[in-house]
N, C-alpha and C. Protein backbone atom coordinates (compact mmCIF):
# COMPACT_ATOMS: atom_id res chain seq x y z
N MET A 1 -62.12 -0.64 57.93
CA MET A 1 -61.49 -1.15 58.65
C MET A 1 -60.04 -2.13 58.20
N LYS A 2 -61.04 -2.93 57.79
CA LYS A 2 -59.63 -3.91 57.05
C LYS A 2 -58.94 -3.24 56.28
N ARG A 3 -59.56 -2.50 55.27
CA ARG A 3 -58.94 -1.92 54.29
C ARG A 3 -57.56 -0.87 54.78
N ASN A 4 -57.72 -0.26 55.81
CA ASN A 4 -56.83 0.74 55.89
C ASN A 4 -55.78 -0.45 57.13
N PHE A 5 -56.24 -0.93 57.43
CA PHE A 5 -55.04 -1.96 58.22
C PHE A 5 -54.22 -2.73 56.89
N ILE A 6 -54.68 -3.15 55.97
CA ILE A 6 -53.97 -3.60 55.00
C ILE A 6 -52.97 -2.48 53.89
N ASN A 7 -53.91 -1.14 54.17
CA ASN A 7 -53.21 -0.19 53.32
C ASN A 7 -51.70 0.19 54.55
N HIS A 8 -51.77 0.45 55.74
CA HIS A 8 -51.13 0.63 56.92
C HIS A 8 -49.76 -0.39 57.04
N ARG A 9 -50.05 -1.76 56.54
CA ARG A 9 -49.55 -3.06 56.15
C ARG A 9 -48.33 -2.35 55.17
N LEU A 10 -49.48 -2.16 54.28
CA LEU A 10 -48.68 -2.37 52.69
C LEU A 10 -47.83 -0.86 52.88
N LEU A 11 -47.58 0.40 53.39
CA LEU A 11 -46.74 1.73 53.66
C LEU A 11 -45.86 1.22 54.69
N ALA A 12 -45.95 0.23 55.55
CA ALA A 12 -44.80 -0.27 56.63
C ALA A 12 -44.12 -1.37 55.56
N ALA A 13 -44.60 -1.89 54.88
CA ALA A 13 -43.81 -2.75 53.81
C ALA A 13 -42.66 -2.04 52.73
N ILE A 14 -43.47 -0.42 52.44
CA ILE A 14 -42.99 -0.09 51.43
C ILE A 14 -41.85 0.54 52.25
N THR A 15 -41.89 1.17 53.26
CA THR A 15 -40.90 2.00 54.15
C THR A 15 -39.97 0.71 54.75
N LEU A 16 -40.07 0.01 54.93
CA LEU A 16 -38.98 -1.27 55.11
C LEU A 16 -38.36 -1.07 54.18
N VAL A 17 -38.62 -1.40 53.21
CA VAL A 17 -38.05 -1.94 51.94
C VAL A 17 -37.57 -1.00 51.08
N LEU A 18 -37.93 0.73 51.38
CA LEU A 18 -36.69 1.54 50.84
C LEU A 18 -35.76 1.85 51.75
N CYS A 19 -36.13 1.86 52.76
CA CYS A 19 -34.84 1.76 53.87
C CYS A 19 -33.74 1.11 53.64
N GLY A 20 -34.31 0.06 53.94
CA GLY A 20 -33.22 -1.61 53.55
C GLY A 20 -32.65 -1.84 51.74
N LEU A 21 -33.20 -0.69 51.07
CA LEU A 21 -32.30 -0.50 49.87
C LEU A 21 -31.54 0.66 50.32
N ALA A 22 -31.45 1.65 51.15
CA ALA A 22 -31.03 2.30 51.47
C ALA A 22 -29.32 2.24 51.95
N LEU A 23 -29.66 1.08 52.59
CA LEU A 23 -28.58 0.30 53.79
C LEU A 23 -27.88 -0.88 52.96
N THR A 24 -26.92 -0.57 52.14
CA THR A 24 -26.25 -1.78 51.28
C THR A 24 -25.28 -2.33 52.34
N PRO A 25 -25.07 -3.77 52.17
CA PRO A 25 -24.21 -4.61 52.77
C PRO A 25 -22.69 -3.82 52.99
N ALA A 26 -22.23 -3.55 53.67
CA ALA A 26 -20.49 -3.21 53.99
C ALA A 26 -20.02 -4.05 53.69
N ALA A 27 -20.37 -5.39 52.91
CA ALA A 27 -19.39 -6.12 52.65
C ALA A 27 -18.94 -6.14 51.21
N PHE A 28 -19.94 -4.79 50.53
CA PHE A 28 -19.70 -4.43 49.20
C PHE A 28 -18.74 -2.66 49.23
N ALA A 29 -18.79 -2.43 50.66
CA ALA A 29 -17.62 -1.17 50.60
C ALA A 29 -16.38 -1.68 49.92
N GLY A 30 -15.89 -0.64 48.94
CA GLY A 30 -14.91 -0.86 48.78
C GLY A 30 -14.52 -1.83 47.11
N SER A 31 -15.69 -2.02 46.85
CA SER A 31 -15.67 -3.15 45.57
C SER A 31 -15.63 -2.59 45.04
N ASP A 32 -14.58 -2.93 43.94
CA ASP A 32 -14.60 -2.12 42.31
C ASP A 32 -15.38 -2.92 41.45
N MET A 33 -15.76 -3.77 41.69
CA MET A 33 -16.60 -4.89 40.48
C MET A 33 -17.66 -4.12 39.75
N GLY A 34 -17.23 -3.79 38.50
CA GLY A 34 -18.35 -3.52 37.43
C GLY A 34 -17.96 -1.90 37.45
N GLN A 35 -17.04 -1.15 37.85
CA GLN A 35 -16.86 0.34 38.09
C GLN A 35 -16.31 0.79 36.69
N SER A 36 -16.01 -0.18 35.93
CA SER A 36 -15.65 0.41 34.26
C SER A 36 -16.38 -0.12 32.98
N PRO A 37 -16.41 0.65 31.92
CA PRO A 37 -17.58 -0.20 31.28
C PRO A 37 -16.30 -1.48 30.21
N VAL A 38 -18.06 -2.37 29.89
CA VAL A 38 -17.31 -3.40 29.17
C VAL A 38 -15.99 -2.90 28.04
N GLY A 39 -14.55 -3.78 27.78
CA GLY A 39 -13.78 -3.37 27.02
C GLY A 39 -13.31 -2.97 27.95
N SER A 40 -11.41 -2.89 26.98
CA SER A 40 -10.90 -2.23 27.78
C SER A 40 -10.45 -1.13 27.74
N LYS A 41 -11.62 -0.47 26.98
CA LYS A 41 -10.91 1.06 26.95
C LYS A 41 -11.00 1.59 28.02
N GLN A 42 -10.51 3.27 27.89
CA GLN A 42 -11.43 3.98 29.33
C GLN A 42 -12.60 4.56 28.74
N PRO A 43 -13.26 4.86 30.06
CA PRO A 43 -14.79 5.66 29.34
C PRO A 43 -14.07 6.82 28.91
N THR A 44 -14.86 7.50 27.82
CA THR A 44 -14.38 9.00 27.07
C THR A 44 -15.59 9.82 28.47
N ALA A 45 -15.26 10.98 28.17
CA ALA A 45 -16.21 12.10 28.89
C ALA A 45 -17.69 12.15 28.89
N LYS A 46 -17.88 11.49 27.83
CA LYS A 46 -19.40 11.87 27.48
C LYS A 46 -19.93 10.69 28.09
N GLN A 47 -19.27 9.31 28.05
CA GLN A 47 -19.72 7.93 28.60
C GLN A 47 -19.98 8.49 30.10
N ALA A 48 -18.72 8.61 30.72
CA ALA A 48 -19.09 9.11 32.01
C ALA A 48 -20.01 9.57 32.60
N ALA A 49 -19.94 10.94 31.59
CA ALA A 49 -21.29 11.77 32.15
C ALA A 49 -22.50 11.08 32.21
N LEU A 50 -23.06 10.10 31.44
CA LEU A 50 -24.38 9.15 30.72
C LEU A 50 -24.20 8.35 32.49
N VAL A 51 -23.23 7.56 32.49
CA VAL A 51 -23.63 7.02 33.62
C VAL A 51 -23.41 8.09 34.63
N ASP A 52 -22.97 8.78 34.83
CA ASP A 52 -23.33 9.69 36.17
C ASP A 52 -25.41 9.55 36.22
N THR A 53 -25.27 10.25 34.66
CA THR A 53 -26.84 10.57 35.13
C THR A 53 -27.77 9.40 35.29
N LEU A 54 -27.40 8.31 34.49
CA LEU A 54 -28.04 7.10 34.38
C LEU A 54 -28.28 7.09 36.05
N MET A 55 -27.36 6.87 36.66
CA MET A 55 -27.02 6.26 38.18
C MET A 55 -27.66 7.57 39.38
N SER A 56 -27.86 8.35 39.04
CA SER A 56 -28.15 9.64 39.47
C SER A 56 -30.05 9.62 39.48
N ALA A 57 -30.38 7.84 39.10
CA ALA A 57 -32.12 7.40 39.02
C ALA A 57 -32.26 7.25 40.20
N ALA A 58 -31.54 7.11 40.83
CA ALA A 58 -31.47 5.99 42.37
C ALA A 58 -30.81 6.42 43.67
N PRO A 59 -30.77 6.01 44.31
CA PRO A 59 -29.38 6.11 45.61
C PRO A 59 -28.33 5.40 45.10
N LYS A 60 -27.68 5.95 45.78
CA LYS A 60 -25.99 5.55 45.38
C LYS A 60 -26.21 3.67 45.69
N SER A 61 -27.07 3.57 47.11
CA SER A 61 -26.08 2.14 47.57
C SER A 61 -26.89 1.44 46.58
N VAL A 62 -28.23 1.91 46.09
CA VAL A 62 -28.84 1.25 44.75
C VAL A 62 -27.84 0.85 43.15
N ALA A 63 -27.26 2.50 43.02
CA ALA A 63 -27.17 2.65 41.95
C ALA A 63 -25.36 1.80 41.59
N LYS A 64 -24.88 1.47 42.64
CA LYS A 64 -23.65 1.52 42.57
C LYS A 64 -23.07 0.18 42.28
N HIS A 65 -24.19 -0.33 42.30
CA HIS A 65 -23.90 -2.34 41.71
C HIS A 65 -25.00 -2.26 40.74
N ALA A 66 -25.98 -1.44 40.19
CA ALA A 66 -26.36 -1.60 39.19
C ALA A 66 -26.27 -1.86 37.65
N THR A 67 -26.54 -2.44 36.94
CA THR A 67 -25.71 -2.91 35.38
C THR A 67 -26.50 -1.37 34.22
N ILE A 68 -25.07 -0.41 33.97
CA ILE A 68 -25.96 0.29 33.17
C ILE A 68 -25.57 0.64 32.34
N LEU A 69 -27.40 0.50 31.77
CA LEU A 69 -27.51 0.51 29.66
C LEU A 69 -27.45 1.95 29.04
N SER A 70 -26.62 1.81 27.65
CA SER A 70 -26.73 3.03 27.03
C SER A 70 -28.45 2.93 26.11
N ARG A 71 -29.13 4.14 25.25
CA ARG A 71 -30.30 3.89 24.74
C ARG A 71 -30.40 2.91 24.27
N THR A 72 -29.05 2.76 23.49
CA THR A 72 -28.96 1.30 22.48
C THR A 72 -28.78 0.11 22.69
N GLY A 73 -28.81 -0.53 24.00
CA GLY A 73 -28.77 -1.28 25.02
C GLY A 73 -27.48 -1.99 25.59
N LYS A 74 -26.42 -1.20 24.99
CA LYS A 74 -25.11 -1.57 25.60
C LYS A 74 -24.96 -1.55 26.78
N VAL A 75 -23.99 -2.53 27.21
CA VAL A 75 -23.42 -2.31 28.64
C VAL A 75 -22.35 -0.72 28.97
N LEU A 76 -23.03 0.03 29.19
CA LEU A 76 -21.69 1.48 29.85
C LEU A 76 -21.01 0.93 30.90
N LYS A 77 -21.62 0.14 32.07
CA LYS A 77 -21.18 -0.21 33.06
C LYS A 77 -21.60 -1.53 33.81
N LYS A 78 -20.62 -3.33 33.81
CA LYS A 78 -21.38 -3.74 34.19
C LYS A 78 -21.37 -3.66 35.88
N GLY A 79 -22.92 -4.06 36.27
CA GLY A 79 -23.25 -4.58 37.63
C GLY A 79 -23.32 -5.92 37.89
N ASP A 80 -23.30 -5.84 39.77
CA ASP A 80 -23.13 -7.37 40.60
C ASP A 80 -24.34 -7.72 40.93
N SER A 81 -25.44 -6.71 40.74
CA SER A 81 -26.82 -6.65 41.06
C SER A 81 -28.40 -7.29 40.26
N GLU A 82 -29.27 -7.26 40.65
CA GLU A 82 -30.38 -7.53 39.56
C GLU A 82 -30.57 -6.02 39.31
N TRP A 83 -30.15 -5.15 39.55
CA TRP A 83 -30.81 -3.84 38.95
C TRP A 83 -30.13 -3.58 38.25
N VAL A 84 -30.56 -2.72 36.69
CA VAL A 84 -30.66 -2.20 35.72
C VAL A 84 -30.79 -0.40 35.36
N CYS A 85 -30.14 0.06 36.09
CA CYS A 85 -29.71 1.96 35.26
C CYS A 85 -29.86 1.82 33.59
N ARG A 86 -31.12 3.11 32.99
CA ARG A 86 -30.72 2.87 31.81
C ARG A 86 -32.22 4.19 31.48
N PHE A 87 -32.24 4.15 30.45
CA PHE A 87 -33.61 5.79 29.94
C PHE A 87 -34.65 5.12 29.57
N ALA A 88 -35.68 6.33 30.69
CA ALA A 88 -36.83 5.42 30.23
C ALA A 88 -38.13 6.35 29.67
N GLY A 89 -39.75 6.75 29.65
CA GLY A 89 -40.25 7.69 29.56
C GLY A 89 -40.60 8.03 28.12
N PRO A 90 -41.28 9.19 27.78
CA PRO A 90 -42.52 8.88 26.45
C PRO A 90 -40.78 9.70 25.50
N ALA A 91 -40.01 10.21 25.76
CA ALA A 91 -38.88 11.15 25.21
C ALA A 91 -38.00 9.65 25.05
N ASP A 92 -37.56 8.83 25.92
CA ASP A 92 -36.49 7.90 26.47
C ASP A 92 -35.13 8.91 26.89
N ASP A 93 -36.14 9.49 27.40
CA ASP A 93 -34.87 10.33 28.17
C ASP A 93 -34.73 10.37 29.49
N THR A 94 -35.27 9.95 29.86
CA THR A 94 -36.10 9.63 31.88
C THR A 94 -34.76 8.71 32.33
N PRO A 95 -33.62 9.04 33.33
CA PRO A 95 -33.36 7.89 34.14
C PRO A 95 -34.14 7.48 35.21
N THR A 96 -33.51 5.96 34.65
CA THR A 96 -34.17 5.12 35.84
C THR A 96 -33.92 4.24 36.17
N CYS A 97 -33.78 3.07 37.63
CA CYS A 97 -33.32 1.89 37.51
C CYS A 97 -34.03 1.29 38.35
N LEU A 98 -34.12 0.02 37.99
CA LEU A 98 -35.33 -0.70 37.52
C LEU A 98 -34.95 -2.22 38.19
N ASP A 99 -35.96 -3.07 38.93
CA ASP A 99 -35.36 -4.24 39.40
C ASP A 99 -35.88 -5.45 38.47
N LYS A 100 -35.65 -6.60 38.51
CA LYS A 100 -35.92 -7.13 37.78
C LYS A 100 -37.53 -7.47 37.95
N GLN A 101 -37.71 -7.48 38.94
CA GLN A 101 -39.14 -7.96 39.17
C GLN A 101 -40.13 -6.68 37.83
N PHE A 102 -40.21 -5.15 38.47
CA PHE A 102 -40.30 -4.09 37.68
C PHE A 102 -39.89 -4.21 36.05
N ARG A 103 -38.83 -5.37 35.44
CA ARG A 103 -38.28 -4.72 34.14
C ARG A 103 -39.30 -6.23 33.65
N ALA A 104 -39.64 -7.00 34.02
CA ALA A 104 -40.57 -8.26 33.52
C ALA A 104 -41.67 -7.76 33.51
N TYR A 105 -42.38 -6.93 34.41
CA TYR A 105 -43.87 -5.84 34.04
C TYR A 105 -44.03 -5.08 33.54
N LEU A 106 -42.81 -4.76 33.00
CA LEU A 106 -43.09 -3.54 32.19
C LEU A 106 -42.72 -3.85 30.31
N LYS A 107 -42.00 -4.74 30.54
CA LYS A 107 -41.69 -6.25 29.33
C LYS A 107 -43.35 -6.97 28.99
N ALA A 108 -43.79 -6.80 30.03
CA ALA A 108 -45.24 -7.20 29.80
C ALA A 108 -46.76 -6.36 29.38
N ARG A 109 -46.23 -5.53 29.73
CA ARG A 109 -46.91 -4.07 29.57
C ARG A 109 -46.39 -3.71 28.11
N SER A 110 -45.62 -3.60 27.76
CA SER A 110 -45.01 -3.19 26.47
C SER A 110 -45.53 -3.92 25.34
N GLN A 111 -45.82 -5.66 25.35
CA GLN A 111 -46.27 -6.55 24.35
C GLN A 111 -48.33 -6.43 24.71
N GLY A 112 -48.32 -5.67 25.64
CA GLY A 112 -50.00 -5.59 25.53
C GLY A 112 -50.13 -7.02 26.65
N LYS A 113 -49.39 -7.22 27.52
CA LYS A 113 -49.81 -8.51 28.64
C LYS A 113 -50.14 -8.45 28.91
N THR A 114 -50.91 -9.78 30.09
CA THR A 114 -50.84 -9.11 32.00
C THR A 114 -49.37 -9.48 32.04
N PRO A 115 -49.28 -8.50 33.62
CA PRO A 115 -48.05 -9.09 33.81
C PRO A 115 -47.98 -9.91 34.98
N HIS A 116 -47.26 -10.65 35.35
CA HIS A 116 -47.47 -11.78 36.16
C HIS A 116 -45.96 -11.73 37.27
N VAL A 117 -47.01 -10.79 38.48
CA VAL A 117 -45.85 -10.32 39.52
C VAL A 117 -45.64 -11.03 40.60
N GLU A 118 -44.36 -11.74 40.52
CA GLU A 118 -44.20 -12.28 41.49
C GLU A 118 -44.22 -12.25 43.14
N ARG A 119 -43.31 -10.90 43.43
CA ARG A 119 -42.71 -10.24 44.18
C ARG A 119 -43.29 -8.70 44.09
N VAL A 120 -43.28 -8.43 45.35
CA VAL A 120 -42.75 -6.69 45.13
C VAL A 120 -41.22 -6.39 44.30
N GLY A 121 -41.65 -4.93 43.28
CA GLY A 121 -40.81 -5.14 42.21
C GLY A 121 -41.17 -3.35 42.34
N LEU A 122 -40.01 -2.62 42.37
CA LEU A 122 -39.42 -1.43 42.28
C LEU A 122 -38.61 -0.60 41.27
N ALA A 123 -39.10 0.87 40.81
CA ALA A 123 -38.48 1.39 39.72
C ALA A 123 -38.47 2.38 40.97
N TYR A 124 -37.13 3.23 40.51
CA TYR A 124 -36.14 4.42 40.92
C TYR A 124 -36.83 5.46 39.82
N MET A 125 -36.95 6.56 39.88
CA MET A 125 -36.80 7.61 39.26
C MET A 125 -36.57 9.19 39.93
N LEU A 126 -35.44 9.40 40.55
CA LEU A 126 -35.07 10.52 41.31
C LEU A 126 -34.84 11.39 40.49
N GLN A 127 -34.89 11.38 39.58
CA GLN A 127 -34.75 12.69 38.44
C GLN A 127 -36.40 13.35 37.94
N GLY A 128 -37.20 12.26 38.69
CA GLY A 128 -38.53 13.13 37.96
C GLY A 128 -38.35 12.87 36.84
N MET A 129 -39.47 12.47 35.72
CA MET A 129 -39.68 12.65 34.90
C MET A 129 -40.63 13.80 34.01
N THR A 130 -40.76 14.16 32.81
CA THR A 130 -41.84 15.09 31.80
C THR A 130 -42.52 13.93 31.04
N MET A 131 -43.66 14.05 31.13
CA MET A 131 -44.29 13.37 30.44
C MET A 131 -44.95 13.50 29.26
N GLY A 132 -45.34 12.77 28.22
CA GLY A 132 -45.79 13.05 27.27
C GLY A 132 -47.15 14.61 26.47
N THR A 133 -47.33 14.73 27.81
CA THR A 133 -48.28 15.82 27.88
C THR A 133 -47.25 17.35 28.32
N GLY A 134 -46.17 17.44 28.18
CA GLY A 134 -45.84 18.00 29.20
C GLY A 134 -45.95 18.25 30.69
N MET A 135 -46.60 17.26 31.56
CA MET A 135 -46.44 17.20 32.59
C MET A 135 -45.77 17.06 33.65
N HIS A 136 -44.70 17.67 34.07
CA HIS A 136 -44.19 17.09 34.59
C HIS A 136 -43.98 16.46 36.03
N MET A 137 -43.56 14.84 36.19
CA MET A 137 -43.45 14.43 37.59
C MET A 137 -42.38 14.28 38.53
N PRO A 138 -42.03 14.64 39.78
CA PRO A 138 -41.58 14.58 40.71
C PRO A 138 -40.43 13.46 40.58
N PRO A 139 -40.07 13.83 41.76
CA PRO A 139 -39.08 12.63 42.16
C PRO A 139 -39.90 11.29 41.91
N HIS A 140 -39.37 10.55 42.20
CA HIS A 140 -40.67 9.42 42.56
C HIS A 140 -40.34 7.74 43.02
N VAL A 141 -40.66 7.02 43.40
CA VAL A 141 -40.88 5.79 43.24
C VAL A 141 -41.63 4.68 42.52
N MET A 142 -41.53 3.79 42.10
CA MET A 142 -42.50 3.01 41.50
C MET A 142 -42.69 1.55 41.99
N LEU A 143 -43.74 1.36 42.59
CA LEU A 143 -43.52 -0.15 43.57
C LEU A 143 -44.97 -1.06 43.28
N ILE A 144 -44.86 -2.08 41.73
CA ILE A 144 -45.62 -3.13 41.71
C ILE A 144 -46.15 -3.80 42.73
N VAL A 145 -46.92 -4.51 42.76
CA VAL A 145 -47.29 -5.94 44.23
C VAL A 145 -48.36 -6.54 43.44
N PRO A 146 -48.52 -8.21 44.39
CA PRO A 146 -48.63 -9.28 43.40
C PRO A 146 -50.18 -9.21 43.67
N ASN A 147 -51.03 -8.09 44.76
CA ASN A 147 -52.15 -8.39 44.58
C ASN A 147 -52.55 -6.94 44.48
N LEU A 148 -53.17 -6.84 43.35
CA LEU A 148 -53.41 -5.45 42.96
C LEU A 148 -55.06 -4.79 43.85
N SER A 149 -55.52 -5.61 44.25
CA SER A 149 -56.12 -5.24 45.52
C SER A 149 -56.03 -4.43 46.97
N SER A 150 -54.32 -5.11 47.23
CA SER A 150 -54.24 -4.37 47.96
C SER A 150 -53.66 -2.70 47.77
N LEU A 151 -53.73 -2.07 46.91
CA LEU A 151 -53.70 -0.96 46.24
C LEU A 151 -55.17 -0.34 46.01
N LYS A 152 -56.09 -0.74 46.87
CA LYS A 152 -57.38 -0.65 46.18
C LYS A 152 -57.69 0.85 46.93
N SER A 153 -56.98 1.02 48.12
CA SER A 153 -57.31 2.35 49.08
C SER A 153 -56.43 3.73 48.70
N PHE A 154 -55.37 3.23 48.07
CA PHE A 154 -54.77 5.00 47.50
C PHE A 154 -56.08 5.17 46.99
N PRO A 155 -55.25 6.99 46.93
CA PRO A 155 -55.85 7.49 45.92
C PRO A 155 -55.26 7.16 44.08
N THR A 156 -56.33 7.81 43.08
CA THR A 156 -56.17 7.17 41.87
C THR A 156 -55.56 8.68 41.04
N THR A 157 -55.47 9.48 41.64
CA THR A 157 -54.32 11.39 41.16
C THR A 157 -53.76 11.48 41.93
N PRO A 158 -52.72 11.97 41.87
CA PRO A 158 -51.70 12.49 42.87
C PRO A 158 -52.53 13.43 43.58
N GLN A 159 -51.86 13.11 45.16
CA GLN A 159 -52.51 13.71 45.76
C GLN A 159 -51.73 14.53 46.51
N SER A 160 -51.22 15.77 46.87
CA SER A 160 -50.20 16.81 47.33
C SER A 160 -49.26 15.85 47.94
N GLY A 161 -48.32 15.26 47.23
CA GLY A 161 -47.07 14.09 47.36
C GLY A 161 -47.27 13.03 48.32
N THR A 162 -48.47 12.49 48.79
CA THR A 162 -48.75 11.54 48.97
C THR A 162 -48.86 10.41 48.09
N PRO A 163 -48.92 9.10 48.15
CA PRO A 163 -48.42 7.74 47.38
C PRO A 163 -50.09 7.80 46.53
N TRP A 164 -50.33 7.96 45.07
CA TRP A 164 -51.07 7.53 44.71
C TRP A 164 -50.87 6.22 43.40
N VAL A 165 -52.65 5.48 42.61
CA VAL A 165 -52.25 4.76 42.21
C VAL A 165 -52.54 5.74 40.68
N MET A 166 -51.43 4.62 39.69
CA MET A 166 -51.50 5.50 38.51
C MET A 166 -51.78 3.57 37.25
N LYS A 167 -52.65 4.19 36.41
CA LYS A 167 -53.15 3.03 35.94
C LYS A 167 -53.97 2.34 36.65
N ALA A 168 -55.14 2.82 37.41
CA ALA A 168 -56.24 2.11 38.69
C ALA A 168 -56.59 1.67 37.51
N ASP A 169 -57.92 0.14 38.43
CA ASP A 169 -58.19 -0.59 37.72
C ASP A 169 -58.10 -1.24 36.39
N THR A 170 -56.56 -1.57 35.92
CA THR A 170 -56.61 -2.33 34.69
C THR A 170 -55.32 -3.57 35.67
N PRO A 171 -54.35 -4.10 34.67
CA PRO A 171 -53.63 -4.80 35.30
C PRO A 171 -52.22 -4.35 35.65
N TYR A 172 -51.51 -2.87 35.00
CA TYR A 172 -50.97 -2.29 34.81
C TYR A 172 -50.84 -1.53 36.32
N ALA A 173 -51.68 -1.67 36.93
CA ALA A 173 -51.94 -0.87 38.39
C ALA A 173 -50.39 -0.64 38.86
N HIS A 174 -49.85 0.48 39.67
CA HIS A 174 -48.91 0.68 40.04
C HIS A 174 -48.94 1.15 40.91
N LEU A 175 -48.29 1.45 42.47
CA LEU A 175 -48.30 2.40 43.21
C LEU A 175 -47.03 3.80 42.54
N ILE A 176 -47.26 5.34 42.80
CA ILE A 176 -46.24 6.38 42.88
C ILE A 176 -45.84 6.48 44.18
N ILE A 177 -44.81 7.05 44.29
CA ILE A 177 -44.30 7.46 45.85
C ILE A 177 -43.84 8.42 45.49
N PRO A 178 -43.95 9.60 45.80
CA PRO A 178 -42.99 10.80 45.27
C PRO A 178 -42.13 11.34 46.68
N MET A 179 -40.95 11.26 46.47
CA MET A 179 -39.93 11.33 47.29
C MET A 179 -40.07 12.93 47.37
N SER A 180 -39.55 14.17 46.94
CA SER A 180 -39.71 15.29 47.27
C SER A 180 -41.30 15.92 47.96
N GLY A 181 -42.05 14.69 48.37
CA GLY A 181 -43.17 16.01 49.26
C GLY A 181 -43.99 16.42 48.27
N LYS A 182 -43.55 16.80 46.71
CA LYS A 182 -44.29 17.81 45.70
C LYS A 182 -45.28 16.40 44.70
N THR A 183 -46.37 16.98 44.02
CA THR A 183 -47.20 16.34 43.27
C THR A 183 -47.15 16.67 42.16
N MET A 184 -47.52 15.92 40.92
CA MET A 184 -47.19 16.57 39.72
C MET A 184 -47.42 17.80 39.67
N GLY A 185 -46.65 18.99 38.62
CA GLY A 185 -46.80 20.05 38.23
C GLY A 185 -47.10 20.20 36.89
N GLY A 186 -46.95 21.82 36.88
CA GLY A 186 -47.52 21.82 35.22
C GLY A 186 -46.68 21.91 34.41
N LYS A 187 -46.86 22.60 33.41
CA LYS A 187 -46.13 21.74 31.81
C LYS A 187 -44.51 22.59 32.15
N MET A 188 -43.83 21.62 32.12
CA MET A 188 -41.88 22.03 31.50
C MET A 188 -41.80 23.30 30.64
N MET A 189 -40.95 24.01 31.17
CA MET A 189 -40.62 25.22 29.77
C MET A 189 -39.31 24.33 28.84
N GLY A 190 -39.63 23.81 28.08
CA GLY A 190 -38.80 23.38 26.85
C GLY A 190 -39.02 21.60 26.67
N SER A 191 -40.39 21.32 27.33
CA SER A 191 -40.72 20.41 27.84
C SER A 191 -40.91 19.67 25.68
N HIS A 192 -40.32 17.96 26.00
CA HIS A 192 -40.87 17.54 24.77
C HIS A 192 -42.34 17.02 24.46
């Protein structure tokens, strides 16, 4: 009973966070801060397409204020928020937008260290991702939490489009929230 109560509270918090992120304050409307790449040159068509691809990872209200990075870490568009959009995934070809907390989590994970999660962290992958095995994960949001025990009541395998925990029972456990109502599918044609 207590676990279900925590589960419902966590889902309510997730809903509020996701809804809140979709509603950027009107104060940012019309702002052109960070709309052109660093430097005085106009972006090339290839750079503009790359920026558009990376921004497609998150809702417009998040992406338009994010810093956009190339595969080499070059700033393509300077943002005015904590969000960073870059490529990720096994083939470094998946557009993703991450908040500061999720970036710290990934840095610790890549170094084999236990992440210190101070607050809820989010990462958007609204274009989905093809895993190293060729399995396709549909559009989703990833969520990390300070207290991993709050994830215990979620399934640990993809379940018909419902939230599930990836890397369960490790310090890297995080919630996958499918955004399309679909679960992980079969191998993609021409996958990496």
